[in-house]
PDB file of N, CA and C in Angstrom:
ATOM      1  N   UNK A   1      -4.546   2.547   2.075  1.00  0.00           N
ATOM      2  CA  UNK A   1      -3.233   1.957   1.947  1.00  0.00           C
ATOM      3  C   UNK A   1      -2.550   2.560   0.722  1.00  0.00           C
ATOM      4  N   UNK A   2      -1.288   2.915   0.883  1.00  0.00           N
ATOM      5  CA  UNK A   2      -0.463   3.400  -0.227  1.00  0.00           C
ATOM      6  C   UNK A   2       0.686   2.408  -0.404  1.00  0.00           C
ATOM      7  N   UNK A   3       0.891   1.976  -1.635  1.00  0.00           N
ATOM      8  CA  UNK A   3       1.954   1.006  -1.888  1.00  0.00           C
ATOM      9  C   UNK A   3       2.643   1.358  -3.196  1.00  0.00           C
ATOM     10  N   UNK A   4       3.857   0.817  -3.363  1.00  0.00           N
ATOM     11  CA  UNK A   4       4.566   1.069  -4.597  1.00  0.00           C
ATOM     12  C   UNK A   4       6.016   0.667  -4.498  1.00  0.00           C
ATOM     13  N   UNK A   5       6.806   1.232  -5.419  1.00  0.00           N
ATOM     14  CA  UNK A   5       8.224   0.915  -5.495  1.00  0.00           C
ATOM     15  C   UNK A   5       8.991   2.196  -5.809  1.00  0.00           C
ATOM     16  N   UNK A   6      10.205   2.288  -5.273  1.00  0.00           N
ATOM     17  CA  UNK A   6      11.107   3.404  -5.570  1.00  0.00           C
ATOM     18  C   UNK A   6      12.322   2.806  -6.269  1.00  0.00           C
ATOM     19  N   UNK A   7      12.613   3.344  -7.474  1.00  0.00           N
ATOM     20  CA  UNK A   7      13.727   2.827  -8.269  1.00  0.00           C
ATOM     21  C   UNK A   7      14.618   3.966  -8.751  1.00  0.00           C
ATOM     22  N   UNK A   8      15.837   3.606  -9.144  1.00  0.00           N
ATOM     23  CA  UNK A   8      16.761   4.550  -9.766  1.00  0.00           C
ATOM     24  C   UNK A   8      16.424   4.562 -11.251  1.00  0.00           C
ATOM     25  N   UNK A   9      16.139   5.732 -11.800  1.00  0.00           N
ATOM     26  CA  UNK A   9      15.577   5.845 -13.138  1.00  0.00           C
ATOM     27  C   UNK A   9      16.501   5.307 -14.237  1.00  0.00           C
ATOM     28  N   UNK A  10      17.794   5.565 -14.174  1.00  0.00           N
ATOM     29  CA  UNK A  10      18.693   5.152 -15.250  1.00  0.00           C
ATOM     30  C   UNK A  10      18.942   3.654 -15.291  1.00  0.00           C
ATOM     31  N   UNK A  11      19.130   3.048 -14.125  1.00  0.00           N
ATOM     32  CA  UNK A  11      19.457   1.622 -14.078  1.00  0.00           C
ATOM     33  C   UNK A  11      18.243   0.741 -13.844  1.00  0.00           C
ATOM     34  N   UNK A  12      17.169   1.310 -13.284  1.00  0.00           N
ATOM     35  CA  UNK A  12      15.997   0.520 -12.934  1.00  0.00           C
ATOM     36  C   UNK A  12      16.176  -0.272 -11.648  1.00  0.00           C
ATOM     37  N   UNK A  13      17.299  -0.054 -10.955  1.00  0.00           N
ATOM     38  CA  UNK A  13      17.546  -0.827  -9.734  1.00  0.00           C
ATOM     39  C   UNK A  13      16.697  -0.277  -8.585  1.00  0.00           C
ATOM     40  N   UNK A  14      16.253  -1.174  -7.703  1.00  0.00           N
ATOM     41  CA  UNK A  14      15.454  -0.733  -6.556  1.00  0.00           C
ATOM     42  C   UNK A  14      16.300   0.067  -5.579  1.00  0.00           C
ATOM     43  N   UNK A  15      15.656   0.957  -4.853  1.00  0.00           N
ATOM     44  CA  UNK A  15      16.343   1.799  -3.874  1.00  0.00           C
ATOM     45  C   UNK A  15      15.831   1.473  -2.479  1.00  0.00           C
ATOM     46  N   UNK A  16      16.545   0.594  -1.768  1.00  0.00           N
ATOM     47  CA  UNK A  16      16.135   0.226  -0.413  1.00  0.00           C
ATOM     48  C   UNK A  16      16.547   1.277   0.607  1.00  0.00           C
ATOM     49  N   UNK A  17      15.861   1.258   1.760  1.00  0.00           N
ATOM     50  CA  UNK A  17      16.257   2.079   2.890  1.00  0.00           C
ATOM     51  C   UNK A  17      15.811   3.528   2.859  1.00  0.00           C
ATOM     52  N   UNK A  18      14.995   3.926   1.876  1.00  0.00           N
ATOM     53  CA  UNK A  18      14.496   5.300   1.838  1.00  0.00           C
ATOM     54  C   UNK A  18      13.210   5.406   2.641  1.00  0.00           C
ATOM     55  N   UNK A  19      12.965   6.559   3.206  1.00  0.00           N
ATOM     56  CA  UNK A  19      11.749   6.795   3.986  1.00  0.00           C
ATOM     57  C   UNK A  19      10.671   7.339   3.051  1.00  0.00           C
ATOM     58  N   UNK A  20       9.495   6.728   3.091  1.00  0.00           N
ATOM     59  CA  UNK A  20       8.344   7.193   2.306  1.00  0.00           C
ATOM     60  C   UNK A  20       7.260   7.610   3.295  1.00  0.00           C
ATOM     61  N   UNK A  21       6.757   8.836   3.135  1.00  0.00           N
ATOM     62  CA  UNK A  21       5.713   9.374   4.016  1.00  0.00           C
ATOM     63  C   UNK A  21       4.481   9.708   3.183  1.00  0.00           C
ATOM     64  N   UNK A  22       3.317   9.406   3.729  1.00  0.00           N
ATOM     65  CA  UNK A  22       2.048   9.664   3.045  1.00  0.00           C
ATOM     66  C   UNK A  22       1.298  10.785   3.757  1.00  0.00           C
ATOM     67  N   UNK A  23       0.662  11.651   2.950  1.00  0.00           N
ATOM     68  CA  UNK A  23      -0.097  12.783   3.469  1.00  0.00           C
ATOM     69  C   UNK A  23      -1.418  12.914   2.726  1.00  0.00           C
ATOM     70  N   UNK A  24      -2.410  13.474   3.407  1.00  0.00           N
ATOM     71  CA  UNK A  24      -3.693  13.837   2.810  1.00  0.00           C
ATOM     72  C   UNK A  24      -3.709  15.350   2.671  1.00  0.00           C
ATOM     73  N   UNK A  25      -3.856  15.835   1.452  1.00  0.00           N
ATOM     74  CA  UNK A  25      -3.863  17.276   1.173  1.00  0.00           C
ATOM     75  C   UNK A  25      -5.193  17.878   1.601  1.00  0.00           C
ATOM     76  N   UNK A  26      -5.134  18.865   2.459  1.00  0.00           N
ATOM     77  CA  UNK A  26      -6.322  19.582   2.915  1.00  0.00           C
ATOM     78  C   UNK A  26      -6.134  21.074   2.687  1.00  0.00           C
ATOM     79  N   UNK A  27      -7.203  21.843   2.844  1.00  0.00           N
ATOM     80  CA  UNK A  27      -7.141  23.281   2.595  1.00  0.00           C
ATOM     81  C   UNK A  27      -6.236  24.005   3.583  1.00  0.00           C
ATOM     82  N   UNK A  28      -6.315  23.651   4.849  1.00  0.00           N
ATOM     83  CA  UNK A  28      -5.569  24.379   5.864  1.00  0.00           C
ATOM     84  C   UNK A  28      -4.320  23.626   6.309  1.00  0.00           C
ATOM     85  N   UNK A  29      -4.473  22.363   6.692  1.00  0.00           N
ATOM     86  CA  UNK A  29      -3.372  21.600   7.258  1.00  0.00           C
ATOM     87  C   UNK A  29      -3.420  20.187   6.703  1.00  0.00           C
ATOM     88  N   UNK A  30      -2.327  19.728   6.117  1.00  0.00           N
ATOM     89  CA  UNK A  30      -2.276  18.374   5.555  1.00  0.00           C
ATOM     90  C   UNK A  30      -2.146  17.346   6.675  1.00  0.00           C
ATOM     91  N   UNK A  31      -2.892  16.239   6.529  1.00  0.00           N
ATOM     92  CA  UNK A  31      -2.854  15.168   7.526  1.00  0.00           C
ATOM     93  C   UNK A  31      -1.724  14.200   7.209  1.00  0.00           C
ATOM     94  N   UNK A  32      -0.916  13.888   8.214  1.00  0.00           N
ATOM     95  CA  UNK A  32       0.107  12.855   8.089  1.00  0.00           C
ATOM     96  C   UNK A  32      -0.583  11.510   8.242  1.00  0.00           C
ATOM     97  N   UNK A  33      -0.418  10.622   7.252  1.00  0.00           N
ATOM     98  CA  UNK A  33      -1.099   9.335   7.263  1.00  0.00           C
ATOM     99  C   UNK A  33      -0.223   8.180   7.719  1.00  0.00           C
ATOM    100  N   UNK A  34       1.090   8.324   7.586  1.00  0.00           N
ATOM    101  CA  UNK A  34       1.986   7.263   8.011  1.00  0.00           C
ATOM    102  C   UNK A  34       3.271   7.281   7.215  1.00  0.00           C
ATOM    103  N   UNK A  35       4.208   6.421   7.636  1.00  0.00           N
ATOM    104  CA  UNK A  35       5.483   6.341   6.928  1.00  0.00           C
ATOM    105  C   UNK A  35       6.035   4.931   7.029  1.00  0.00           C
ATOM    106  N   UNK A  36       6.988   4.644   6.159  1.00  0.00           N
ATOM    107  CA  UNK A  36       7.661   3.357   6.142  1.00  0.00           C
ATOM    108  C   UNK A  36       9.011   3.527   5.474  1.00  0.00           C
ATOM    109  N   UNK A  37       9.776   2.467   5.457  1.00  0.00           N
ATOM    110  CA  UNK A  37      11.070   2.439   4.786  1.00  0.00           C
ATOM    111  C   UNK A  37      10.995   1.439   3.645  1.00  0.00           C
ATOM    112  N   UNK A  38      11.573   1.776   2.500  1.00  0.00           N
ATOM    113  CA  UNK A  38      11.558   0.841   1.373  1.00  0.00           C
ATOM    114  C   UNK A  38      12.387  -0.400   1.717  1.00  0.00           C
ATOM    115  N   UNK A  39      11.918  -1.560   1.259  1.00  0.00           N
ATOM    116  CA  UNK A  39      12.622  -2.813   1.537  1.00  0.00           C
ATOM    117  C   UNK A  39      13.726  -3.044   0.500  1.00  0.00           C
ATOM    118  N   UNK A  40      14.350  -4.206   0.525  1.00  0.00           N
ATOM    119  CA  UNK A  40      15.466  -4.506  -0.384  1.00  0.00           C
ATOM    120  C   UNK A  40      15.072  -4.430  -1.852  1.00  0.00           C
ATOM    121  N   UNK A  41      13.801  -4.648  -2.149  1.00  0.00           N
ATOM    122  CA  UNK A  41      13.308  -4.582  -3.527  1.00  0.00           C
ATOM    123  C   UNK A  41      12.786  -3.197  -3.881  1.00  0.00           C
ATOM    124  N   UNK A  42      12.957  -2.213  -2.960  1.00  0.00           N
ATOM    125  CA  UNK A  42      12.487  -0.852  -3.186  1.00  0.00           C
ATOM    126  C   UNK A  42      10.999  -0.672  -2.941  1.00  0.00           C
ATOM    127  N   UNK A  43      10.320  -1.723  -2.478  1.00  0.00           N
ATOM    128  CA  UNK A  43       8.876  -1.675  -2.258  1.00  0.00           C
ATOM    129  C   UNK A  43       8.534  -1.029  -0.922  1.00  0.00           C
ATOM    130  N   UNK A  44       7.340  -0.447  -0.873  1.00  0.00           N
ATOM    131  CA  UNK A  44       6.839   0.131   0.372  1.00  0.00           C
ATOM    132  C   UNK A  44       5.337  -0.088   0.470  1.00  0.00           C
ATOM    133  N   UNK A  45       4.849  -0.068   1.700  1.00  0.00           N
ATOM    134  CA  UNK A  45       3.422  -0.210   1.990  1.00  0.00           C
ATOM    135  C   UNK A  45       3.132   0.625   3.228  1.00  0.00           C
ATOM    136  N   UNK A  46       2.182   1.560   3.100  1.00  0.00           N
ATOM    137  CA  UNK A  46       1.774   2.400   4.221  1.00  0.00           C
ATOM    138  C   UNK A  46       0.279   2.183   4.427  1.00  0.00           C
ATOM    139  N   UNK A  47      -0.076   1.687   5.584  1.00  0.00           N
ATOM    140  CA  UNK A  47      -1.483   1.465   5.920  1.00  0.00           C
ATOM    141  C   UNK A  47      -2.007   2.646   6.725  1.00  0.00           C
ATOM    142  N   UNK A  48      -3.240   3.052   6.411  1.00  0.00           N
ATOM    143  CA  UNK A  48      -3.904   4.102   7.172  1.00  0.00           C
ATOM    144  C   UNK A  48      -5.399   3.835   7.146  1.00  0.00           C
ATOM    145  N   UNK A  49      -6.120   4.482   8.048  1.00  0.00           N
ATOM    146  CA  UNK A  49      -7.562   4.288   8.120  1.00  0.00           C
ATOM    147  C   UNK A  49      -8.283   5.595   7.832  1.00  0.00           C
ATOM    148  N   UNK A  50      -9.597   5.521   7.682  1.00  0.00           N
ATOM    149  CA  UNK A  50     -10.399   6.723   7.440  1.00  0.00           C
ATOM    150  C   UNK A  50     -10.234   7.736   8.557  1.00  0.00           C
ATOM    151  N   UNK A  51     -10.029   7.266   9.771  1.00  0.00           N
ATOM    152  CA  UNK A  51      -9.859   8.177  10.907  1.00  0.00           C
ATOM    153  C   UNK A  51      -8.638   9.077  10.741  1.00  0.00           C
ATOM    154  N   UNK A  52      -7.666   8.638   9.933  1.00  0.00           N
ATOM    155  CA  UNK A  52      -6.438   9.412   9.734  1.00  0.00           C
ATOM    156  C   UNK A  52      -6.634  10.616   8.816  1.00  0.00           C
ATOM    157  N   UNK A  53      -7.658  10.602   7.951  1.00  0.00           N
ATOM    158  CA  UNK A  53      -7.827  11.692   6.986  1.00  0.00           C
ATOM    159  C   UNK A  53      -9.229  12.286   6.949  1.00  0.00           C
ATOM    160  N   UNK A  54     -10.211  11.626   7.445  1.00  0.00           N
ATOM    161  CA  UNK A  54     -11.605  12.017   7.238  1.00  0.00           C
ATOM    162  C   UNK A  54     -11.933  13.342   7.914  1.00  0.00           C
ATOM    163  N   UNK A  55     -12.413  14.295   7.106  1.00  0.00           N
ATOM    164  CA  UNK A  55     -12.891  15.593   7.571  1.00  0.00           C
ATOM    165  C   UNK A  55     -14.250  15.840   6.926  1.00  0.00           C
ATOM    166  N   UNK A  56     -15.217  16.192   7.700  1.00  0.00           N
ATOM    167  CA  UNK A  56     -16.545  16.549   7.205  1.00  0.00           C
ATOM    168  C   UNK A  56     -17.049  15.510   6.210  1.00  0.00           C
ATOM    169  N   UNK A  57     -17.070  15.830   4.925  1.00  0.00           N
ATOM    170  CA  UNK A  57     -17.625  14.921   3.910  1.00  0.00           C
ATOM    171  C   UNK A  57     -16.547  14.196   3.110  1.00  0.00           C
ATOM    172  N   UNK A  58     -15.318  14.242   3.566  1.00  0.00           N
ATOM    173  CA  UNK A  58     -14.213  13.615   2.832  1.00  0.00           C
ATOM    174  C   UNK A  58     -14.303  12.092   2.966  1.00  0.00           C
ATOM    175  N   UNK A  59     -14.470  11.398   1.832  1.00  0.00           N
ATOM    176  CA  UNK A  59     -14.617   9.944   1.845  1.00  0.00           C
ATOM    177  C   UNK A  59     -13.334   9.203   1.518  1.00  0.00           C
ATOM    178  N   UNK A  60     -12.425   9.882   0.830  1.00  0.00           N
ATOM    179  CA  UNK A  60     -11.128   9.285   0.514  1.00  0.00           C
ATOM    180  C   UNK A  60     -10.082  10.395   0.532  1.00  0.00           C
ATOM    181  N   UNK A  61      -8.829  10.038   0.780  1.00  0.00           N
ATOM    182  CA  UNK A  61      -7.802  11.077   0.900  1.00  0.00           C
ATOM    183  C   UNK A  61      -7.378  11.650  -0.447  1.00  0.00           C
ATOM    184  N   UNK A  62      -6.915  12.873  -0.420  1.00  0.00           N
ATOM    185  CA  UNK A  62      -6.217  13.479  -1.554  1.00  0.00           C
ATOM    186  C   UNK A  62      -4.740  13.244  -1.252  1.00  0.00           C
ATOM    187  N   UNK A  63      -4.245  12.127  -1.731  1.00  0.00           N
ATOM    188  CA  UNK A  63      -2.976  11.564  -1.281  1.00  0.00           C
ATOM    189  C   UNK A  63      -1.774  12.061  -2.069  1.00  0.00           C
ATOM    190  N   UNK A  64      -0.697  12.347  -1.337  1.00  0.00           N
ATOM    191  CA  UNK A  64       0.604  12.548  -1.959  1.00  0.00           C
ATOM    192  C   UNK A  64       1.659  11.921  -1.069  1.00  0.00           C
ATOM    193  N   UNK A  65       2.789  11.575  -1.691  1.00  0.00           N
ATOM    194  CA  UNK A  65       3.882  10.922  -0.989  1.00  0.00           C
ATOM    195  C   UNK A  65       5.132  11.773  -1.060  1.00  0.00           C
ATOM    196  N   UNK A  66       5.958  11.654  -0.038  1.00  0.00           N
ATOM    197  CA  UNK A  66       7.278  12.285  -0.029  1.00  0.00           C
ATOM    198  C   UNK A  66       8.309  11.200   0.268  1.00  0.00           C
ATOM    199  N   UNK A  67       9.419  11.247  -0.469  1.00  0.00           N
ATOM    200  CA  UNK A  67      10.516  10.309  -0.254  1.00  0.00           C
ATOM    201  C   UNK A  67      11.669  11.092   0.357  1.00  0.00           C
ATOM    202  N   UNK A  68      12.236  10.533   1.458  1.00  0.00           N
ATOM    203  CA  UNK A  68      13.296  11.214   2.196  1.00  0.00           C
ATOM    204  C   UNK A  68      14.535  10.342   2.317  1.00  0.00           C
ATOM    205  N   UNK A  69      15.680  11.009   2.357  1.00  0.00           N
ATOM    206  CA  UNK A  69      16.950  10.357   2.644  1.00  0.00           C
ATOM    207  C   UNK A  69      16.958  10.005   4.135  1.00  0.00           C
ATOM    208  N   UNK A  70      17.231   8.747   4.496  1.00  0.00           N
ATOM    209  CA  UNK A  70      17.181   8.367   5.906  1.00  0.00           C
ATOM    210  C   UNK A  70      18.308   8.966   6.756  1.00  0.00           C
ATOM    211  N   UNK A  71      19.408   9.341   6.135  1.00  0.00           N
ATOM    212  CA  UNK A  71      20.544   9.897   6.887  1.00  0.00           C
ATOM    213  C   UNK A  71      20.344  11.372   7.229  1.00  0.00           C
ATOM    214  N   UNK A  72      19.801  12.143   6.287  1.00  0.00           N
ATOM    215  CA  UNK A  72      19.687  13.584   6.473  1.00  0.00           C
ATOM    216  C   UNK A  72      18.249  14.064   6.624  1.00  0.00           C
ATOM    217  N   UNK A  73      17.286  13.197   6.317  1.00  0.00           N
ATOM    218  CA  UNK A  73      15.855  13.510   6.288  1.00  0.00           C
ATOM    219  C   UNK A  73      15.519  14.530   5.193  1.00  0.00           C
ATOM    220  N   UNK A  74      16.444  14.742   4.267  1.00  0.00           N
ATOM    221  CA  UNK A  74      16.202  15.659   3.148  1.00  0.00           C
ATOM    222  C   UNK A  74      15.173  15.046   2.205  1.00  0.00           C
ATOM    223  N   UNK A  75      14.187  15.850   1.794  1.00  0.00           N
ATOM    224  CA  UNK A  75      13.183  15.357   0.866  1.00  0.00           C
ATOM    225  C   UNK A  75      13.802  15.211  -0.517  1.00  0.00           C
ATOM    226  N   UNK A  76      13.674  14.023  -1.101  1.00  0.00           N
ATOM    227  CA  UNK A  76      14.217  13.737  -2.426  1.00  0.00           C
ATOM    228  C   UNK A  76      13.177  13.879  -3.515  1.00  0.00           C
ATOM    229  N   UNK A  77      11.912  13.681  -3.131  1.00  0.00           N
ATOM    230  CA  UNK A  77      10.855  13.684  -4.144  1.00  0.00           C
ATOM    231  C   UNK A  77       9.495  13.842  -3.484  1.00  0.00           C
ATOM    232  N   UNK A  78       8.581  14.507  -4.202  1.00  0.00           N
ATOM    233  CA  UNK A  78       7.181  14.567  -3.794  1.00  0.00           C
ATOM    234  C   UNK A  78       6.324  14.248  -5.006  1.00  0.00           C
ATOM    235  N   UNK A  79       5.364  13.345  -4.827  1.00  0.00           N
ATOM    236  CA  UNK A  79       4.466  12.991  -5.931  1.00  0.00           C
ATOM    237  C   UNK A  79       3.400  14.074  -6.087  1.00  0.00           C
ATOM    238  N   UNK A  80       2.751  14.109  -7.244  1.00  0.00           N
ATOM    239  CA  UNK A  80       1.577  14.968  -7.369  1.00  0.00           C
ATOM    240  C   UNK A  80       0.473  14.475  -6.421  1.00  0.00           C
ATOM    241  N   UNK A  81      -0.496  15.333  -6.138  1.00  0.00           N
ATOM    242  CA  UNK A  81      -1.636  14.945  -5.308  1.00  0.00           C
ATOM    243  C   UNK A  81      -2.579  14.087  -6.149  1.00  0.00           C
ATOM    244  N   UNK A  82      -2.965  12.963  -5.608  1.00  0.00           N
ATOM    245  CA  UNK A  82      -3.936  12.072  -6.257  1.00  0.00           C
ATOM    246  C   UNK A  82      -5.265  12.287  -5.547  1.00  0.00           C
ATOM    247  N   UNK A  83      -6.144  13.063  -6.194  1.00  0.00           N
ATOM    248  CA  UNK A  83      -7.444  13.414  -5.608  1.00  0.00           C
ATOM    249  C   UNK A  83      -8.321  12.176  -5.481  1.00  0.00           C
ATOM    250  N   UNK A  84      -9.029  12.085  -4.382  1.00  0.00           N
ATOM    251  CA  UNK A  84      -9.925  10.950  -4.110  1.00  0.00           C
ATOM    252  C   UNK A  84      -9.213   9.631  -4.364  1.00  0.00           C
ATOM    253  N   UNK A  85      -8.086   9.470  -3.727  1.00  0.00           N
ATOM    254  CA  UNK A  85      -7.206   8.323  -3.915  1.00  0.00           C
ATOM    255  C   UNK A  85      -7.937   7.000  -3.737  1.00  0.00           C
ATOM    256  N   UNK A  86      -7.728   6.099  -4.694  1.00  0.00           N
ATOM    257  CA  UNK A  86      -8.259   4.737  -4.617  1.00  0.00           C
ATOM    258  C   UNK A  86      -7.114   3.814  -4.215  1.00  0.00           C
ATOM    259  N   UNK A  87      -7.354   2.963  -3.232  1.00  0.00           N
ATOM    260  CA  UNK A  87      -6.274   2.155  -2.672  1.00  0.00           C
ATOM    261  C   UNK A  87      -5.723   1.107  -3.629  1.00  0.00           C
ATOM    262  N   UNK A  88      -6.343   0.945  -4.800  1.00  0.00           N
ATOM    263  CA  UNK A  88      -5.809  -0.026  -5.754  1.00  0.00           C
ATOM    264  C   UNK A  88      -4.718   0.574  -6.647  1.00  0.00           C
ATOM    265  N   UNK A  89      -4.427   1.857  -6.471  1.00  0.00           N
ATOM    266  CA  UNK A  89      -3.367   2.513  -7.236  1.00  0.00           C
ATOM    267  C   UNK A  89      -2.009   2.183  -6.621  1.00  0.00           C
ATOM    268  N   UNK A  90      -1.060   1.825  -7.464  1.00  0.00           N
ATOM    269  CA  UNK A  90       0.298   1.527  -7.013  1.00  0.00           C
ATOM    270  C   UNK A  90       1.238   2.596  -7.577  1.00  0.00           C
ATOM    271  N   UNK A  91       2.102   3.115  -6.730  1.00  0.00           N
ATOM    272  CA  UNK A  91       3.045   4.152  -7.130  1.00  0.00           C
ATOM    273  C   UNK A  91       4.333   3.538  -7.677  1.00  0.00           C
ATOM    274  N   UNK A  92       4.887   4.173  -8.689  1.00  0.00           N
ATOM    275  CA  UNK A  92       6.224   3.860  -9.196  1.00  0.00           C
ATOM    276  C   UNK A  92       6.983   5.182  -9.177  1.00  0.00           C
ATOM    277  N   UNK A  93       7.881   5.315  -8.212  1.00  0.00           N
ATOM    278  CA  UNK A  93       8.623   6.557  -8.029  1.00  0.00           C
ATOM    279  C   UNK A  93      10.030   6.334  -8.553  1.00  0.00           C
ATOM    280  N   UNK A  94      10.423   7.165  -9.509  1.00  0.00           N
ATOM    281  CA  UNK A  94      11.733   7.039 -10.148  1.00  0.00           C
ATOM    282  C   UNK A  94      12.605   8.214  -9.743  1.00  0.00           C
ATOM    283  N   UNK A  95      13.738   7.905  -9.115  1.00  0.00           N
ATOM    284  CA  UNK A  95      14.682   8.939  -8.683  1.00  0.00           C
ATOM    285  C   UNK A  95      15.916   8.917  -9.569  1.00  0.00           C
ATOM    286  N   UNK A  96      16.433  10.091  -9.870  1.00  0.00           N
ATOM    287  CA  UNK A  96      17.700  10.222 -10.593  1.00  0.00           C
ATOM    288  C   UNK A  96      18.768  10.541  -9.553  1.00  0.00           C
ATOM    289  N   UNK A  97      19.751   9.651  -9.441  1.00  0.00           N
ATOM    290  CA  UNK A  97      20.815   9.867  -8.471  1.00  0.00           C
ATOM    291  C   UNK A  97      21.998  10.514  -9.167  1.00  0.00           C
ATOM    292  N   UNK A  98      22.533  11.565  -8.551  1.00  0.00           N
ATOM    293  CA  UNK A  98      23.700  12.269  -9.106  1.00  0.00           C
ATOM    294  C   UNK A  98      24.726  12.437  -7.997  1.00  0.00           C
ATOM    295  N   UNK A  99      25.951  12.748  -8.371  1.00  0.00           N
ATOM    296  CA  UNK A  99      27.017  12.920  -7.373  1.00  0.00           C
ATOM    297  C   UNK A  99      26.805  14.174  -6.536  1.00  0.00           C
ATOM    298  N   UNK A 100      26.128  15.180  -7.096  1.00  0.00           N
ATOM    299  CA  UNK A 100      25.932  16.416  -6.363  1.00  0.00           C
ATOM    300  C   UNK A 100      24.682  16.436  -5.531  1.00  0.00           C
ATOM    301  N   UNK A 101      23.855  15.402  -5.571  1.00  0.00           N
ATOM    302  CA  UNK A 101      22.587  15.374  -4.849  1.00  0.00           C
ATOM    303  C   UNK A 101      21.641  14.466  -5.572  1.00  0.00           C
ATOM    304  N   UNK A 102      20.427  14.466  -5.158  1.00  0.00           N
ATOM    305  CA  UNK A 102      19.422  13.604  -5.765  1.00  0.00           C
ATOM    306  C   UNK A 102      18.359  14.471  -6.402  1.00  0.00           C
ATOM    307  N   UNK A 103      18.001  14.129  -7.615  1.00  0.00           N
ATOM    308  CA  UNK A 103      16.887  14.735  -8.286  1.00  0.00           C
ATOM    309  C   UNK A 103      15.816  13.684  -8.396  1.00  0.00           C
ATOM    310  N   UNK A 104      14.663  14.038  -8.890  1.00  0.00           N
ATOM    311  CA  UNK A 104      13.616  13.036  -8.952  1.00  0.00           C
ATOM    312  C   UNK A 104      12.674  13.291 -10.102  1.00  0.00           C
ATOM    313  N   UNK A 105      12.027  12.243 -10.504  1.00  0.00           N
ATOM    314  CA  UNK A 105      10.984  12.331 -11.515  1.00  0.00           C
ATOM    315  C   UNK A 105       9.880  11.378 -11.110  1.00  0.00           C
ATOM    316  N   UNK A 106       8.653  11.672 -11.483  1.00  0.00           N
ATOM    317  CA  UNK A 106       7.534  10.786 -11.127  1.00  0.00           C
ATOM    318  C   UNK A 106       6.821  10.358 -12.380  1.00  0.00           C
TER     319      UNK A 106
END
């Protein structure tokens, strides 16, 4: 399970309605683990099982998240890869919104 919140960095306000996608980083092809939309409080929760990422001796995913604009599907942010991800980790993704586009920081 991947959970967390997406906020606007300058104001700290939550960013609802963004698409968050979870992936498992692999050597050849990254596994898509699931996606969701942030709620009114900017929170998200993506549930996945071992069957979604398990390869050979892999016991936990090397997890990263991507945040997308729901209107254009443009990627706004990608987190670093969290090796051997533990499900008790909560993400705090901070986006900088500008008039010319969206930048991001993690």
